[in-house]
N, C-alpha and C. Protein backbone atom coordinates (compact mmCIF):
# COMPACT_ATOMS: atom_id res chain seq x y z
N MET A 1 -7.02 -9.61 -13.28
CA MET A 1 -6.51 -8.50 -12.54
C MET A 1 -7.68 -7.52 -12.33
N ILE A 2 -7.84 -7.07 -11.03
CA ILE A 2 -8.92 -6.20 -10.76
C ILE A 2 -8.44 -4.75 -10.83
N LEU A 3 -9.18 -3.95 -11.56
CA LEU A 3 -9.08 -2.50 -11.63
C LEU A 3 -10.26 -1.86 -10.95
N ALA A 4 -10.01 -1.47 -9.69
CA ALA A 4 -11.08 -1.02 -8.75
C ALA A 4 -11.33 0.42 -8.81
N PHE A 5 -12.49 0.88 -8.86
CA PHE A 5 -12.91 2.36 -8.79
C PHE A 5 -13.58 2.48 -7.48
N TRP A 6 -13.18 3.46 -6.63
CA TRP A 6 -13.61 3.60 -5.36
C TRP A 6 -13.58 5.02 -4.90
N SER A 7 -14.42 5.51 -4.08
CA SER A 7 -14.33 6.78 -3.38
C SER A 7 -14.71 6.61 -1.96
N ASP A 8 -14.31 7.52 -1.03
CA ASP A 8 -14.63 7.28 0.25
C ASP A 8 -15.93 8.16 0.70
N LYS A 9 -16.57 8.73 -0.37
CA LYS A 9 -17.82 9.35 -0.27
C LYS A 9 -18.62 9.25 -1.50
N GLY A 10 -19.87 9.40 -1.61
CA GLY A 10 -20.69 9.28 -2.69
C GLY A 10 -20.73 10.56 -3.61
N GLY A 11 -21.27 10.47 -4.74
CA GLY A 11 -21.49 11.62 -5.55
C GLY A 11 -20.28 12.12 -6.29
N THR A 12 -19.25 11.31 -6.48
CA THR A 12 -18.08 11.81 -7.13
C THR A 12 -18.10 11.52 -8.61
N GLY A 13 -18.97 10.82 -9.13
CA GLY A 13 -18.96 10.34 -10.49
C GLY A 13 -18.08 9.13 -10.69
N LYS A 14 -17.81 8.38 -9.78
CA LYS A 14 -17.03 7.22 -9.72
C LYS A 14 -17.46 6.19 -10.75
N SER A 15 -18.79 5.89 -10.78
CA SER A 15 -19.32 5.02 -11.75
C SER A 15 -19.22 5.41 -13.26
N THR A 16 -19.29 6.74 -13.48
CA THR A 16 -19.11 7.19 -14.82
C THR A 16 -17.73 7.04 -15.32
N LEU A 17 -16.73 7.27 -14.40
CA LEU A 17 -15.30 6.99 -14.75
C LEU A 17 -15.09 5.45 -14.99
N ALA A 18 -15.70 4.67 -14.15
CA ALA A 18 -15.55 3.27 -14.29
C ALA A 18 -16.13 2.69 -15.65
N THR A 19 -17.26 3.13 -15.94
CA THR A 19 -17.89 2.60 -17.18
C THR A 19 -17.23 3.19 -18.41
N THR A 20 -16.75 4.51 -18.39
CA THR A 20 -16.11 5.01 -19.45
C THR A 20 -14.70 4.28 -19.68
N THR A 21 -14.02 3.95 -18.64
CA THR A 21 -12.83 3.13 -18.81
C THR A 21 -13.03 1.76 -19.27
N ALA A 22 -14.06 1.09 -18.74
CA ALA A 22 -14.36 -0.28 -19.27
C ALA A 22 -14.70 -0.26 -20.78
N LYS A 23 -15.49 0.72 -21.21
CA LYS A 23 -15.90 0.75 -22.55
C LYS A 23 -14.70 0.96 -23.41
N ALA A 24 -13.79 1.98 -23.05
CA ALA A 24 -12.72 2.40 -23.87
C ALA A 24 -11.66 1.23 -23.94
N LEU A 25 -11.54 0.46 -22.83
CA LEU A 25 -10.54 -0.52 -22.83
C LEU A 25 -11.12 -1.94 -23.23
N GLY A 26 -12.40 -1.97 -23.43
CA GLY A 26 -12.94 -3.24 -23.73
C GLY A 26 -13.04 -4.27 -22.59
N LEU A 27 -13.28 -3.82 -21.47
CA LEU A 27 -13.26 -4.67 -20.22
C LEU A 27 -14.57 -4.89 -19.69
N PRO A 28 -14.88 -5.96 -19.12
CA PRO A 28 -16.13 -6.28 -18.35
C PRO A 28 -16.21 -5.54 -17.13
N ILE A 29 -17.32 -5.37 -16.59
CA ILE A 29 -17.60 -4.73 -15.25
C ILE A 29 -18.21 -5.65 -14.30
N VAL A 30 -17.74 -5.44 -13.04
CA VAL A 30 -18.39 -6.09 -11.93
C VAL A 30 -18.97 -5.00 -11.10
N ASP A 31 -20.25 -4.86 -10.88
CA ASP A 31 -20.89 -3.79 -10.13
C ASP A 31 -21.18 -4.32 -8.66
N LEU A 32 -20.46 -3.76 -7.77
CA LEU A 32 -20.58 -4.12 -6.28
C LEU A 32 -21.45 -3.05 -5.54
N ASP A 33 -21.73 -2.00 -6.24
CA ASP A 33 -22.49 -0.90 -5.61
C ASP A 33 -23.98 -1.16 -5.58
N PRO A 34 -24.62 -1.10 -4.33
CA PRO A 34 -26.02 -1.27 -4.25
C PRO A 34 -26.87 -0.31 -5.05
N GLN A 35 -26.27 0.86 -5.39
CA GLN A 35 -26.93 1.83 -6.16
C GLN A 35 -27.23 1.34 -7.58
N GLY A 36 -26.38 0.37 -8.09
CA GLY A 36 -26.48 -0.19 -9.33
C GLY A 36 -26.31 0.75 -10.61
N ASP A 37 -25.53 1.84 -10.39
CA ASP A 37 -25.38 2.81 -11.56
C ASP A 37 -24.63 2.14 -12.67
N ALA A 38 -23.58 1.48 -12.40
CA ALA A 38 -22.73 0.91 -13.60
C ALA A 38 -23.64 -0.18 -14.26
N ALA A 39 -24.42 -0.99 -13.45
CA ALA A 39 -25.20 -2.02 -14.11
C ALA A 39 -26.24 -1.46 -14.93
N ARG A 40 -26.96 -0.39 -14.51
CA ARG A 40 -27.88 0.28 -15.40
C ARG A 40 -27.30 0.79 -16.71
N TRP A 41 -26.07 1.41 -16.55
CA TRP A 41 -25.44 1.89 -17.79
C TRP A 41 -25.10 0.73 -18.69
N CYS A 42 -24.62 -0.29 -18.20
CA CYS A 42 -24.21 -1.48 -18.90
C CYS A 42 -25.52 -2.06 -19.68
N LYS A 43 -26.68 -2.15 -19.08
CA LYS A 43 -27.86 -2.61 -19.61
C LYS A 43 -28.22 -1.68 -20.88
N ARG A 44 -28.18 -0.42 -20.68
CA ARG A 44 -28.43 0.47 -21.85
C ARG A 44 -27.43 0.36 -22.93
N ALA A 45 -26.16 0.11 -22.53
CA ALA A 45 -25.10 0.11 -23.57
C ALA A 45 -24.85 -1.22 -24.17
N GLY A 46 -25.40 -2.25 -23.58
CA GLY A 46 -25.17 -3.56 -24.04
C GLY A 46 -23.79 -4.10 -23.75
N HIS A 47 -23.32 -3.66 -22.58
CA HIS A 47 -21.93 -3.99 -22.14
C HIS A 47 -21.91 -5.02 -21.09
N ALA A 48 -20.91 -5.86 -21.15
CA ALA A 48 -20.82 -7.01 -20.27
C ALA A 48 -20.72 -6.53 -18.65
N CYS A 49 -21.63 -7.03 -17.88
CA CYS A 49 -21.63 -6.57 -16.52
C CYS A 49 -22.12 -7.66 -15.68
N THR A 50 -21.44 -7.93 -14.55
CA THR A 50 -21.96 -8.88 -13.46
C THR A 50 -22.26 -8.07 -12.17
N THR A 51 -23.51 -8.22 -11.77
CA THR A 51 -24.00 -7.53 -10.62
C THR A 51 -23.83 -8.40 -9.42
N LEU A 52 -23.14 -7.99 -8.32
CA LEU A 52 -22.97 -8.81 -7.11
C LEU A 52 -23.42 -8.02 -5.86
N SER A 53 -24.13 -6.92 -6.02
CA SER A 53 -24.48 -6.09 -4.83
C SER A 53 -25.53 -6.83 -3.90
N ASN A 54 -26.22 -7.90 -4.53
CA ASN A 54 -27.22 -8.54 -3.70
C ASN A 54 -26.75 -9.94 -3.22
N GLU A 55 -25.53 -10.32 -3.69
CA GLU A 55 -24.96 -11.69 -3.28
C GLU A 55 -24.41 -11.61 -1.84
N SER A 56 -24.32 -12.80 -1.33
CA SER A 56 -23.72 -12.84 0.02
C SER A 56 -22.29 -12.39 0.04
N TRP A 57 -21.75 -12.03 1.26
CA TRP A 57 -20.47 -11.59 1.37
C TRP A 57 -19.49 -12.66 1.03
N GLU A 58 -19.82 -14.04 1.31
CA GLU A 58 -18.89 -15.03 1.02
C GLU A 58 -18.79 -15.24 -0.47
N THR A 59 -19.94 -15.12 -1.18
CA THR A 59 -19.98 -15.23 -2.63
C THR A 59 -19.11 -14.13 -3.26
N VAL A 60 -19.34 -12.88 -2.85
CA VAL A 60 -18.55 -11.76 -3.35
C VAL A 60 -17.08 -11.93 -3.20
N LYS A 61 -16.67 -12.35 -2.01
CA LYS A 61 -15.26 -12.59 -1.65
C LYS A 61 -14.64 -13.60 -2.56
N ASP A 62 -15.34 -14.72 -2.77
CA ASP A 62 -14.86 -15.78 -3.67
C ASP A 62 -14.66 -15.44 -4.98
N ILE A 63 -15.61 -14.69 -5.58
CA ILE A 63 -15.55 -14.24 -7.04
C ILE A 63 -14.44 -13.23 -7.11
N LEU A 64 -14.33 -12.27 -6.25
CA LEU A 64 -13.23 -11.32 -6.34
C LEU A 64 -11.87 -11.92 -6.14
N SER A 65 -11.78 -12.88 -5.28
CA SER A 65 -10.53 -13.53 -5.06
C SER A 65 -10.09 -14.30 -6.37
N ARG A 66 -11.08 -14.89 -7.04
CA ARG A 66 -10.73 -15.56 -8.43
C ARG A 66 -10.27 -14.59 -9.43
N LEU A 67 -11.09 -13.45 -9.50
CA LEU A 67 -10.78 -12.41 -10.57
C LEU A 67 -9.42 -11.86 -10.30
N ALA A 68 -8.98 -11.64 -9.05
CA ALA A 68 -7.67 -11.08 -8.71
C ALA A 68 -6.50 -11.88 -9.24
N THR A 69 -6.76 -13.20 -9.35
CA THR A 69 -5.65 -14.13 -9.80
C THR A 69 -5.61 -14.37 -11.34
N GLU A 70 -6.73 -13.96 -12.03
CA GLU A 70 -6.73 -14.12 -13.42
C GLU A 70 -5.97 -13.13 -14.28
N ALA A 71 -5.42 -13.51 -15.41
CA ALA A 71 -4.63 -12.61 -16.21
C ALA A 71 -5.56 -11.55 -16.79
N ALA A 72 -6.72 -11.86 -17.15
CA ALA A 72 -7.67 -10.86 -17.87
C ALA A 72 -7.97 -9.72 -16.81
N ASP A 73 -8.01 -8.53 -17.35
CA ASP A 73 -8.47 -7.40 -16.57
C ASP A 73 -9.97 -7.30 -16.44
N VAL A 74 -10.48 -6.72 -15.28
CA VAL A 74 -11.86 -6.51 -15.05
C VAL A 74 -12.00 -5.25 -14.33
N VAL A 75 -13.01 -4.45 -14.64
CA VAL A 75 -13.33 -3.22 -13.90
C VAL A 75 -14.28 -3.51 -12.77
N VAL A 76 -13.97 -3.10 -11.56
CA VAL A 76 -14.89 -3.32 -10.38
C VAL A 76 -15.34 -1.98 -9.89
N ASP A 77 -16.60 -1.75 -9.96
CA ASP A 77 -17.08 -0.50 -9.34
C ASP A 77 -17.55 -0.78 -7.91
N CYS A 78 -16.75 -0.29 -7.03
CA CYS A 78 -16.95 -0.48 -5.62
C CYS A 78 -17.95 0.56 -5.01
N PRO A 79 -18.69 0.15 -3.99
CA PRO A 79 -19.54 1.06 -3.29
C PRO A 79 -18.72 2.21 -2.59
N PRO A 80 -19.21 3.38 -2.47
CA PRO A 80 -18.43 4.39 -1.72
C PRO A 80 -18.49 4.16 -0.32
N GLY A 81 -17.48 4.69 0.34
CA GLY A 81 -17.32 4.47 1.77
C GLY A 81 -16.65 3.17 2.07
N HIS A 82 -16.98 2.66 3.40
CA HIS A 82 -16.29 1.49 3.84
C HIS A 82 -17.17 0.29 3.95
N ASP A 83 -17.98 0.14 2.92
CA ASP A 83 -18.74 -1.06 2.74
C ASP A 83 -17.81 -2.26 2.58
N PRO A 84 -18.11 -3.39 3.18
CA PRO A 84 -17.14 -4.55 3.12
C PRO A 84 -16.88 -4.93 1.67
N ARG A 85 -17.70 -4.75 0.74
CA ARG A 85 -17.58 -5.09 -0.61
C ARG A 85 -16.50 -4.14 -1.24
N SER A 86 -16.59 -2.81 -0.91
CA SER A 86 -15.59 -1.92 -1.44
C SER A 86 -14.23 -2.18 -0.94
N LEU A 87 -14.16 -2.58 0.35
CA LEU A 87 -12.93 -2.78 1.02
C LEU A 87 -12.20 -4.02 0.41
N SER A 88 -13.07 -5.06 0.13
CA SER A 88 -12.53 -6.21 -0.50
C SER A 88 -12.04 -6.01 -1.87
N GLY A 89 -12.84 -5.23 -2.65
CA GLY A 89 -12.49 -4.98 -4.05
C GLY A 89 -11.12 -4.17 -4.10
N ALA A 90 -10.91 -3.20 -3.17
CA ALA A 90 -9.69 -2.48 -3.19
C ALA A 90 -8.55 -3.43 -2.63
N ALA A 91 -8.85 -4.15 -1.62
CA ALA A 91 -7.83 -5.03 -1.12
C ALA A 91 -7.22 -5.99 -2.05
N LEU A 92 -8.10 -6.49 -3.10
CA LEU A 92 -7.67 -7.49 -3.98
C LEU A 92 -7.12 -6.89 -5.30
N ALA A 93 -7.32 -5.56 -5.45
CA ALA A 93 -6.91 -4.91 -6.73
C ALA A 93 -5.55 -4.81 -6.99
N ARG A 94 -5.20 -4.84 -8.33
CA ARG A 94 -3.82 -4.52 -8.79
C ARG A 94 -3.78 -2.99 -8.96
N LEU A 95 -4.83 -2.31 -9.42
CA LEU A 95 -4.91 -0.87 -9.51
C LEU A 95 -6.18 -0.42 -8.84
N ALA A 96 -6.03 0.62 -7.85
CA ALA A 96 -7.18 1.21 -7.31
C ALA A 96 -7.23 2.66 -7.76
N VAL A 97 -8.27 3.10 -8.40
CA VAL A 97 -8.54 4.45 -8.82
C VAL A 97 -9.46 5.14 -7.78
N LEU A 98 -8.95 6.09 -7.11
CA LEU A 98 -9.74 6.87 -6.18
C LEU A 98 -10.28 8.10 -6.97
N VAL A 99 -11.66 8.38 -6.90
CA VAL A 99 -12.26 9.47 -7.57
C VAL A 99 -12.80 10.43 -6.56
N ALA A 100 -12.54 11.72 -6.90
CA ALA A 100 -12.87 12.83 -5.93
C ALA A 100 -13.24 14.03 -6.73
N GLY A 101 -14.09 14.84 -6.07
CA GLY A 101 -14.50 16.11 -6.58
C GLY A 101 -13.42 17.17 -6.03
N ASP A 102 -13.62 18.50 -6.35
CA ASP A 102 -12.74 19.46 -5.76
C ASP A 102 -13.17 20.18 -4.54
N GLY A 103 -14.32 19.84 -4.01
CA GLY A 103 -14.84 20.41 -2.80
C GLY A 103 -14.08 19.91 -1.64
N ASP A 104 -14.25 20.69 -0.50
CA ASP A 104 -13.50 20.44 0.75
C ASP A 104 -13.76 19.02 1.27
N SER A 105 -15.05 18.63 1.17
CA SER A 105 -15.30 17.37 1.87
C SER A 105 -14.83 16.22 1.02
N ASP A 106 -14.76 16.44 -0.36
CA ASP A 106 -14.34 15.56 -1.30
C ASP A 106 -12.81 15.28 -1.04
N LEU A 107 -11.99 16.43 -0.92
CA LEU A 107 -10.56 16.30 -0.81
C LEU A 107 -10.18 15.68 0.60
N VAL A 108 -11.08 15.94 1.70
CA VAL A 108 -10.76 15.24 2.93
C VAL A 108 -10.98 13.72 2.84
N ALA A 109 -12.21 13.43 2.06
CA ALA A 109 -12.46 11.93 1.91
C ALA A 109 -11.31 11.37 1.03
N LEU A 110 -10.85 12.04 0.16
CA LEU A 110 -9.69 11.54 -0.65
C LEU A 110 -8.51 11.23 0.19
N GLY A 111 -8.18 12.10 1.03
CA GLY A 111 -7.04 11.86 1.98
C GLY A 111 -7.24 10.64 2.82
N ARG A 112 -8.51 10.37 3.30
CA ARG A 112 -8.78 9.20 4.09
C ARG A 112 -8.56 8.02 3.18
N GLY A 113 -9.06 8.09 1.94
CA GLY A 113 -9.05 6.86 1.08
C GLY A 113 -7.51 6.59 0.74
N LEU A 114 -6.69 7.58 0.53
CA LEU A 114 -5.28 7.31 0.34
C LEU A 114 -4.67 6.72 1.57
N GLU A 115 -4.98 7.06 2.71
CA GLU A 115 -4.43 6.43 3.88
C GLU A 115 -4.77 5.03 4.03
N TYR A 116 -6.11 4.78 3.71
CA TYR A 116 -6.60 3.35 3.79
C TYR A 116 -5.93 2.50 2.78
N LEU A 117 -5.66 3.03 1.56
CA LEU A 117 -5.04 2.11 0.60
C LEU A 117 -3.53 1.99 0.93
N LYS A 118 -2.96 2.93 1.57
CA LYS A 118 -1.60 2.80 2.00
C LYS A 118 -1.49 1.52 3.00
N ARG A 119 -2.60 1.60 3.89
CA ARG A 119 -2.52 0.46 4.87
C ARG A 119 -2.70 -0.88 4.22
N LEU A 120 -3.52 -0.93 3.15
CA LEU A 120 -3.74 -2.14 2.46
C LEU A 120 -2.45 -2.61 1.83
N LYS A 121 -1.71 -1.78 1.30
CA LYS A 121 -0.45 -2.15 0.73
C LYS A 121 0.53 -2.70 1.59
N GLY A 122 0.46 -2.21 2.90
CA GLY A 122 1.31 -2.75 3.95
C GLY A 122 0.83 -4.10 4.63
N ALA A 123 -0.46 -4.29 4.24
CA ALA A 123 -1.06 -5.45 5.11
C ALA A 123 -1.45 -6.64 4.16
N GLY A 124 -0.61 -6.78 3.11
CA GLY A 124 -0.84 -7.94 2.27
C GLY A 124 -0.99 -7.78 0.81
N ASN A 125 -0.97 -6.49 0.36
CA ASN A 125 -1.13 -6.18 -1.10
C ASN A 125 -0.09 -5.20 -1.45
N PRO A 126 1.18 -5.59 -1.48
CA PRO A 126 2.36 -4.73 -1.66
C PRO A 126 2.34 -4.26 -3.14
N GLY A 127 1.78 -4.98 -4.10
CA GLY A 127 1.78 -4.58 -5.48
C GLY A 127 0.73 -3.63 -5.92
N LEU A 128 -0.07 -3.30 -4.92
CA LEU A 128 -1.20 -2.37 -5.20
C LEU A 128 -0.80 -1.02 -5.84
N ALA A 129 -1.17 -0.67 -6.92
CA ALA A 129 -0.97 0.66 -7.57
C ALA A 129 -2.13 1.51 -7.24
N VAL A 130 -1.86 2.74 -6.91
CA VAL A 130 -2.95 3.64 -6.53
C VAL A 130 -2.86 4.88 -7.53
N ALA A 131 -4.16 5.24 -7.96
CA ALA A 131 -4.24 6.40 -8.85
C ALA A 131 -5.38 7.25 -8.42
N VAL A 132 -5.32 8.51 -8.83
CA VAL A 132 -6.34 9.57 -8.35
C VAL A 132 -6.85 10.30 -9.59
N ALA A 133 -8.13 10.40 -9.68
CA ALA A 133 -8.73 11.25 -10.67
C ALA A 133 -9.61 12.22 -10.13
N LEU A 134 -9.62 13.41 -10.50
CA LEU A 134 -10.62 14.45 -10.07
C LEU A 134 -11.71 14.42 -11.15
N ASN A 135 -12.96 14.61 -10.57
CA ASN A 135 -14.15 14.61 -11.43
C ASN A 135 -15.14 15.72 -11.10
N LYS A 136 -15.88 16.11 -12.02
CA LYS A 136 -16.81 17.29 -11.71
C LYS A 136 -16.20 18.44 -11.19
N VAL A 137 -15.02 18.76 -11.85
CA VAL A 137 -14.12 19.89 -11.39
C VAL A 137 -14.48 21.20 -12.20
N ASN A 138 -14.45 22.29 -11.70
CA ASN A 138 -14.57 23.58 -12.39
C ASN A 138 -13.09 24.10 -12.55
N PRO A 139 -12.51 23.93 -13.66
CA PRO A 139 -11.09 24.50 -13.73
C PRO A 139 -10.90 25.91 -13.81
N HIS A 140 -12.06 26.67 -13.97
CA HIS A 140 -12.02 28.14 -14.03
C HIS A 140 -12.07 28.77 -12.66
N THR A 141 -12.26 28.01 -11.65
CA THR A 141 -12.26 28.46 -10.19
C THR A 141 -10.91 28.31 -9.64
N ILE A 142 -10.64 29.18 -8.61
CA ILE A 142 -9.42 29.11 -7.81
C ILE A 142 -9.34 27.79 -7.13
N LEU A 143 -10.45 27.26 -6.61
CA LEU A 143 -10.54 25.98 -5.87
C LEU A 143 -10.13 24.85 -6.77
N GLY A 144 -10.77 24.95 -8.00
CA GLY A 144 -10.48 23.80 -8.93
C GLY A 144 -9.06 23.74 -9.35
N ARG A 145 -8.46 24.92 -9.75
CA ARG A 145 -7.04 24.88 -10.09
C ARG A 145 -6.21 24.47 -8.92
N GLN A 146 -6.43 24.93 -7.73
CA GLN A 146 -5.66 24.52 -6.60
C GLN A 146 -5.70 23.00 -6.35
N ALA A 147 -6.88 22.45 -6.49
CA ALA A 147 -7.08 21.00 -6.31
C ALA A 147 -6.14 20.25 -7.31
N VAL A 148 -6.33 20.72 -8.53
CA VAL A 148 -5.56 20.02 -9.63
C VAL A 148 -4.08 20.12 -9.44
N GLU A 149 -3.59 21.27 -9.17
CA GLU A 149 -2.13 21.53 -8.98
C GLU A 149 -1.60 20.87 -7.68
N GLY A 150 -2.35 20.85 -6.64
CA GLY A 150 -1.96 20.28 -5.40
C GLY A 150 -1.90 18.78 -5.47
N LEU A 151 -2.80 18.15 -6.19
CA LEU A 151 -2.76 16.73 -6.28
C LEU A 151 -1.60 16.29 -7.22
N ARG A 152 -1.38 17.07 -8.26
CA ARG A 152 -0.27 16.77 -9.12
C ARG A 152 0.99 16.85 -8.41
N ARG A 153 1.26 17.92 -7.67
CA ARG A 153 2.48 18.10 -6.97
C ARG A 153 2.67 16.96 -5.86
N ALA A 154 1.65 16.59 -5.22
CA ALA A 154 1.87 15.64 -4.09
C ALA A 154 1.96 14.18 -4.51
N ALA A 155 1.66 13.90 -5.79
CA ALA A 155 1.62 12.50 -6.26
C ALA A 155 2.86 11.67 -5.92
N GLY A 156 3.94 12.16 -6.16
CA GLY A 156 5.18 11.34 -5.85
C GLY A 156 5.38 11.04 -4.35
N GLU A 157 5.21 12.14 -3.64
CA GLU A 157 5.32 12.05 -2.14
C GLU A 157 4.34 11.07 -1.49
N LYS A 158 3.09 11.09 -1.98
CA LYS A 158 2.02 10.28 -1.46
C LYS A 158 1.93 9.04 -2.07
N GLY A 159 2.65 8.75 -3.07
CA GLY A 159 2.71 7.36 -3.68
C GLY A 159 1.48 6.93 -4.57
N TYR A 160 1.01 7.98 -5.30
CA TYR A 160 -0.12 7.69 -6.28
C TYR A 160 0.10 8.28 -7.65
N ARG A 161 -0.48 7.86 -8.62
CA ARG A 161 -0.42 8.49 -9.91
C ARG A 161 -1.59 9.43 -10.09
N PHE A 162 -1.36 10.67 -10.55
CA PHE A 162 -2.48 11.54 -10.77
C PHE A 162 -2.84 11.46 -12.21
N LEU A 163 -4.16 11.01 -12.41
CA LEU A 163 -4.64 10.70 -13.78
C LEU A 163 -5.08 11.99 -14.56
N GLY A 164 -5.40 13.00 -13.88
CA GLY A 164 -5.97 14.22 -14.43
C GLY A 164 -7.29 14.62 -13.96
N ALA A 165 -7.96 15.57 -14.54
CA ALA A 165 -9.24 16.12 -14.03
C ALA A 165 -10.26 16.21 -15.19
N VAL A 166 -11.44 15.97 -14.81
CA VAL A 166 -12.59 15.99 -15.79
C VAL A 166 -13.63 17.08 -15.26
N GLY A 167 -14.03 17.98 -16.17
CA GLY A 167 -14.87 19.04 -15.74
C GLY A 167 -16.30 18.50 -15.47
N ASN A 168 -17.08 19.34 -14.88
CA ASN A 168 -18.51 19.11 -14.67
C ASN A 168 -19.35 19.34 -15.79
N ARG A 169 -19.26 18.38 -16.78
CA ARG A 169 -19.82 18.64 -18.10
C ARG A 169 -21.27 18.00 -18.27
N VAL A 170 -22.13 18.84 -18.80
CA VAL A 170 -23.51 18.23 -19.08
C VAL A 170 -23.46 17.09 -20.05
N SER A 171 -22.62 17.12 -21.08
CA SER A 171 -22.55 16.12 -22.02
C SER A 171 -22.18 14.75 -21.36
N ILE A 172 -21.32 14.76 -20.30
CA ILE A 172 -20.92 13.54 -19.60
C ILE A 172 -22.19 12.98 -18.89
N ARG A 173 -22.87 13.84 -18.21
CA ARG A 173 -23.98 13.43 -17.41
C ARG A 173 -24.99 12.76 -18.38
N GLN A 174 -25.24 13.48 -19.53
CA GLN A 174 -26.20 12.89 -20.54
C GLN A 174 -25.81 11.53 -21.03
N SER A 175 -24.42 11.42 -21.24
CA SER A 175 -23.91 10.16 -21.86
C SER A 175 -24.22 9.01 -20.92
N PHE A 176 -24.06 9.26 -19.64
CA PHE A 176 -24.25 8.13 -18.76
C PHE A 176 -25.75 7.69 -18.70
N GLY A 177 -26.67 8.65 -18.75
CA GLY A 177 -28.06 8.36 -18.73
C GLY A 177 -28.53 7.62 -19.99
N LEU A 178 -27.80 7.89 -21.13
CA LEU A 178 -28.17 7.39 -22.43
C LEU A 178 -27.51 5.91 -22.66
N GLY A 179 -26.48 5.65 -21.79
CA GLY A 179 -25.79 4.45 -22.05
C GLY A 179 -24.81 4.48 -23.10
N VAL A 180 -24.17 5.64 -23.35
CA VAL A 180 -23.11 5.76 -24.30
C VAL A 180 -21.77 6.12 -23.62
N SER A 181 -20.75 5.89 -24.17
CA SER A 181 -19.47 6.30 -23.63
C SER A 181 -19.22 7.87 -23.55
N ALA A 182 -18.76 8.37 -22.46
CA ALA A 182 -18.47 9.84 -22.30
C ALA A 182 -17.51 10.29 -23.40
N ILE A 183 -16.60 9.34 -23.85
CA ILE A 183 -15.61 9.71 -24.84
C ILE A 183 -16.27 9.92 -26.19
N ALA A 184 -17.39 9.34 -26.39
CA ALA A 184 -18.10 9.32 -27.65
C ALA A 184 -18.91 10.70 -27.95
N THR A 185 -19.03 11.47 -26.86
CA THR A 185 -19.84 12.62 -26.95
C THR A 185 -19.06 13.82 -27.60
N GLY A 186 -17.69 13.71 -27.77
CA GLY A 186 -16.95 14.75 -28.33
C GLY A 186 -16.82 16.00 -27.38
N GLY A 187 -16.11 17.06 -27.79
CA GLY A 187 -15.83 18.14 -27.08
C GLY A 187 -15.00 18.06 -25.92
N ALA A 188 -14.97 19.06 -25.05
CA ALA A 188 -14.01 19.13 -23.94
C ALA A 188 -14.04 17.96 -23.01
N GLY A 189 -15.24 17.56 -22.69
CA GLY A 189 -15.46 16.45 -21.73
C GLY A 189 -14.86 15.17 -22.25
N ALA A 190 -15.10 14.90 -23.52
CA ALA A 190 -14.51 13.69 -24.04
C ALA A 190 -13.03 13.73 -24.12
N HIS A 191 -12.39 14.89 -24.35
CA HIS A 191 -11.01 15.08 -24.42
C HIS A 191 -10.40 14.70 -22.98
N GLU A 192 -11.04 15.34 -22.07
CA GLU A 192 -10.58 15.10 -20.60
C GLU A 192 -10.74 13.65 -20.18
N MET A 193 -11.82 13.05 -20.53
CA MET A 193 -11.92 11.63 -20.22
C MET A 193 -11.00 10.73 -21.01
N ARG A 194 -10.66 11.11 -22.23
CA ARG A 194 -9.73 10.39 -22.97
C ARG A 194 -8.35 10.46 -22.42
N GLY A 195 -8.00 11.59 -21.70
CA GLY A 195 -6.72 11.71 -21.05
C GLY A 195 -6.64 10.81 -19.80
N VAL A 196 -7.73 10.83 -19.02
CA VAL A 196 -7.79 9.97 -17.79
C VAL A 196 -7.68 8.50 -18.30
N VAL A 197 -8.45 8.06 -19.20
CA VAL A 197 -8.42 6.62 -19.58
C VAL A 197 -7.06 6.33 -20.21
N GLY A 198 -6.44 7.29 -20.89
CA GLY A 198 -5.11 6.96 -21.39
C GLY A 198 -4.13 6.82 -20.34
N ALA A 199 -4.16 7.54 -19.27
CA ALA A 199 -3.19 7.38 -18.17
C ALA A 199 -3.48 6.04 -17.48
N ILE A 200 -4.72 5.55 -17.39
CA ILE A 200 -5.06 4.33 -16.79
C ILE A 200 -4.46 3.15 -17.66
N ARG A 201 -4.57 3.35 -19.03
CA ARG A 201 -4.08 2.32 -19.89
C ARG A 201 -2.49 2.22 -19.76
N ASP A 202 -1.97 3.43 -19.65
CA ASP A 202 -0.40 3.33 -19.39
C ASP A 202 0.03 2.62 -18.21
N ILE A 203 -0.78 2.80 -17.08
CA ILE A 203 -0.43 2.07 -15.92
C ILE A 203 -0.63 0.60 -16.03
N LEU A 204 -1.74 0.21 -16.59
CA LEU A 204 -2.02 -1.19 -16.80
C LEU A 204 -0.85 -1.85 -17.69
N SER A 205 -0.45 -0.99 -18.72
CA SER A 205 0.59 -1.63 -19.59
C SER A 205 1.83 -1.85 -18.79
N SER A 206 2.20 -0.88 -17.93
CA SER A 206 3.45 -1.05 -17.16
C SER A 206 3.40 -2.15 -16.17
N GLU A 207 2.17 -2.39 -15.61
CA GLU A 207 1.99 -3.40 -14.69
C GLU A 207 2.16 -4.83 -15.34
N VAL A 208 1.67 -4.93 -16.63
CA VAL A 208 1.82 -6.19 -17.29
C VAL A 208 3.32 -6.36 -17.62
N GLN A 209 4.02 -5.48 -17.94
CA GLN A 209 5.45 -5.57 -18.31
C GLN A 209 6.27 -6.00 -17.10
N GLN A 210 5.87 -5.55 -15.99
CA GLN A 210 6.55 -5.90 -14.69
C GLN A 210 6.34 -7.38 -14.35
């Protein structure tokens, strides 16, 4: 089963959330993003990772199609935007996690991403579960608080699960560069990441029970 991490714009910290989740849940990673952030983290951390960003489109599609039918879960770090690899990763996912910041352009891109995933559900993937995580958020600003509360309130109407918010923590950025889990750093950032990963774990557990 594919757990896809995607954003409709870059710079959201998508790969950090993907690697943190994979480490916490003991899942391998497939890195589709040409930037290779997840693959570099995995190399430093000694974590299982398959890099497909340089493979042909046919090879990527075949591998993802196989992974989608397997019982074992795998984290797929999709490129931002509408790269064919990211679209295929999301299209074949059982759970797609959209990652966004609290800025205006981030939230606009999040809205586009939600609409796209809604179309995917109606065009051949009705079982697709959608979740949203805010990252690099400043909870002490009016904008940050409004983004968190707005997404939490709209979750039911828009058909997604709100996973929570992670602050713009120096410790999290350092952990990614060092190849350690953000949860292992301790402090507020680790607590916030633990909450997001716990919500993902709950969704995956409910999907298996279904």
